Protein backbone atom coordinates (compact mmCIF):
# COMPACT_ATOMS: atom_id res chain seq x y z
CA MET A 1 -28.45 12.27 19.46
CA ASN A 2 -27.61 8.96 17.96
CA SER A 3 -26.07 8.93 14.49
CA SER A 4 -26.03 5.90 12.14
CA ALA A 5 -22.35 6.44 11.51
CA GLU A 6 -21.45 6.00 15.11
CA THR A 7 -20.54 2.54 16.16
CA THR A 8 -21.78 0.75 19.19
CA GLU A 9 -19.45 -0.44 21.84
CA GLY A 10 -17.84 -3.76 20.71
CA GLN A 11 -18.92 -3.41 17.05
CA THR A 12 -16.70 -2.09 14.36
CA SER A 13 -17.95 0.01 11.45
CA PHE A 14 -17.28 -2.74 8.92
CA GLU A 15 -19.20 -5.64 10.56
CA ASP A 16 -22.70 -4.82 9.05
CA GLY A 17 -21.89 -3.84 5.50
CA PRO A 18 -20.27 -5.45 2.46
CA LEU A 19 -17.47 -2.99 2.54
CA THR A 20 -14.31 -4.30 4.17
CA PRO A 21 -10.89 -2.72 4.60
CA ASN A 22 -9.47 -5.29 2.15
CA LEU A 23 -12.10 -4.36 -0.48
CA LEU A 24 -11.32 -0.69 -0.09
CA GLY A 25 -7.62 -1.40 -0.54
CA ALA A 26 -8.27 -3.46 -3.64
CA ALA A 27 -10.54 -0.79 -5.11
CA PHE A 28 -8.03 2.02 -4.58
CA GLY A 29 -5.23 -0.13 -5.80
CA LEU A 30 -7.06 -0.87 -9.07
CA MET A 31 -7.73 2.87 -9.45
CA ASP A 32 -4.05 3.50 -9.10
CA VAL A 33 -3.34 1.10 -12.03
CA VAL A 34 -5.76 3.04 -14.19
CA ALA A 35 -4.58 6.44 -13.18
CA PHE A 36 -1.01 5.67 -13.66
CA GLY A 37 -1.85 3.97 -17.03
CA ALA A 38 -3.52 7.32 -18.09
CA VAL A 39 -0.35 9.07 -17.07
CA GLY A 40 1.85 6.71 -19.15
CA PHE A 41 -0.45 7.28 -22.08
CA PHE A 42 -0.62 11.01 -22.01
CA VAL A 43 2.82 11.85 -20.82
CA LEU A 44 5.06 8.93 -21.86
CA ASP A 45 3.04 7.84 -24.99
CA ASP A 46 3.13 4.25 -23.60
CA PRO A 47 0.24 3.10 -21.27
CA PHE A 48 2.07 -0.11 -20.34
CA LEU A 49 4.97 1.81 -18.70
CA GLY A 50 2.48 3.87 -16.59
CA ALA A 51 0.28 0.79 -15.81
CA LEU A 52 3.36 -1.00 -14.54
CA ALA A 53 4.13 1.96 -12.16
CA GLY A 54 0.44 1.79 -11.18
CA LEU A 55 0.79 -1.93 -10.48
CA PHE A 56 3.60 -1.19 -8.07
CA VAL A 57 1.73 1.73 -6.37
CA GLY A 58 -1.56 -0.06 -6.44
CA THR A 59 -0.14 -3.18 -4.82
CA GLY A 60 1.42 -1.00 -2.09
CA VAL A 61 -1.91 0.74 -1.51
CA PHE A 62 -3.64 -2.67 -1.30
CA LEU A 63 -1.27 -3.68 1.33
CA PHE A 64 -1.04 -0.69 3.69
CA LEU A 65 -4.55 1.02 3.34
CA PRO A 66 -6.57 -1.79 4.98
CA LEU A 67 -4.22 -1.70 7.95
CA PHE A 68 -4.83 2.04 8.46
CA VAL A 69 -8.62 1.66 8.04
CA ALA A 70 -8.74 -1.19 10.47
CA SER A 71 -6.48 0.46 12.90
CA SER A 72 -8.99 3.27 13.43
CA THR A 73 -11.33 0.73 15.20
CA VAL A 74 -8.66 -0.90 17.35
CA ASP A 75 -7.47 0.46 20.70
CA GLY A 76 -3.67 1.47 20.32
CA GLY A 77 -3.87 1.88 16.57
CA LEU A 78 -1.16 0.04 14.57
CA GLN A 79 0.70 -0.89 17.81
CA GLY A 80 -2.49 -2.69 19.08
CA MET A 81 -2.70 -4.83 15.80
CA GLU A 82 0.93 -6.01 16.20
CA SER A 83 1.24 -9.76 16.82
CA ASP A 84 3.03 -10.68 20.15
CA THR A 85 4.38 -14.00 18.91
CA ASP A 86 7.41 -12.89 16.85
CA ARG A 87 8.70 -9.36 16.60
CA HIS A 88 11.78 -10.06 14.40
CA PRO A 89 11.30 -8.06 11.05
CA PHE A 90 12.57 -10.65 8.76
CA ARG A 91 10.86 -13.78 10.07
CA GLY A 92 7.51 -12.93 8.57
CA PHE A 93 5.98 -10.81 5.96
CA HIS A 94 5.81 -7.12 7.08
CA ARG A 95 2.74 -5.91 5.31
CA LEU A 96 2.91 -2.32 6.30
CA ALA A 97 6.60 -2.02 5.23
CA ALA A 98 5.85 -3.71 2.02
CA GLY A 99 3.01 -1.49 1.06
CA PHE A 100 5.06 1.64 1.52
CA ALA A 101 8.07 0.01 -0.22
CA LEU A 102 6.11 -0.93 -3.30
CA SER A 103 4.63 2.53 -3.44
CA ALA A 104 7.94 4.25 -3.19
CA GLY A 105 9.53 1.87 -5.70
CA GLY A 106 6.70 2.53 -8.19
CA LEU A 107 6.97 6.30 -7.82
CA SER A 108 10.81 6.16 -8.24
CA TYR A 109 10.33 3.96 -11.34
CA LEU A 110 7.99 6.43 -12.78
CA SER A 111 10.18 9.33 -11.97
CA TYR A 112 13.15 7.81 -13.87
CA LEU A 113 10.86 7.10 -16.82
CA PHE A 114 10.23 10.90 -16.91
CA VAL A 115 13.94 11.38 -17.37
CA GLU A 116 14.64 8.54 -19.73
CA GLN A 117 11.91 6.41 -21.23
CA SER A 118 13.67 3.11 -21.11
CA LEU A 119 12.32 0.13 -19.08
CA VAL A 120 15.80 -1.46 -18.62
CA PRO A 121 17.25 0.88 -16.07
CA ALA A 122 13.95 2.18 -14.66
CA LEU A 123 12.72 -1.23 -13.33
CA PRO A 124 15.89 -2.18 -11.39
CA ILE A 125 15.89 1.26 -9.86
CA GLY A 126 12.37 0.84 -8.63
CA LEU A 127 13.01 -2.57 -7.27
CA LEU A 128 16.12 -1.30 -5.50
CA VAL A 129 14.30 1.58 -3.89
CA ALA A 130 11.46 -0.86 -2.88
CA ALA A 131 14.06 -3.22 -1.30
CA VAL A 132 15.83 -0.49 0.65
CA VAL A 133 12.57 1.07 1.90
CA TYR A 134 11.25 -2.38 2.94
CA VAL A 135 14.38 -3.26 5.04
CA SER A 136 14.44 0.15 6.64
CA LEU A 137 10.73 0.30 7.50
CA SER A 138 10.56 -3.27 8.67
CA PHE A 139 12.79 -2.24 11.61
CA LEU A 140 11.06 1.11 12.34
CA MET A 141 7.24 0.21 12.03
CA PRO A 142 5.13 -2.18 13.97
CA ASN A 143 4.23 -5.39 12.02
CA ALA A 144 0.44 -4.89 12.16
CA GLU A 145 -1.81 -7.72 11.05
CA LEU A 146 -5.46 -7.67 10.19
């Protein structure tokens, strides 16, 4: 029994259609901006503050989601997508760590806004959390590339 969802040997599931991992990441990232903007409007009475958190989280989703989608078609997963040329975490952009870091920074920014609705302390807290998570994860996770 041959299903149309199955892939043939040597062919990935994204080769034939217009849907790509980057397009999926962009769509889900844009939906995060809208959803967090709605949270900002209904909970914080300021859609800009929520949309800014959604921009952090949405950018993070845009960075890490395509890697996970593409890793399902590669032997070895994320380890198989790692470049062999340079493994030092600070010599290149670590897309996977940056995606998780921006998402964590956006969520911590939004959580601080629930406590105190002020942009001045919330934004540096979100950026600090993003920097700490990026540095930590850049050492722990493989630097996968599309």
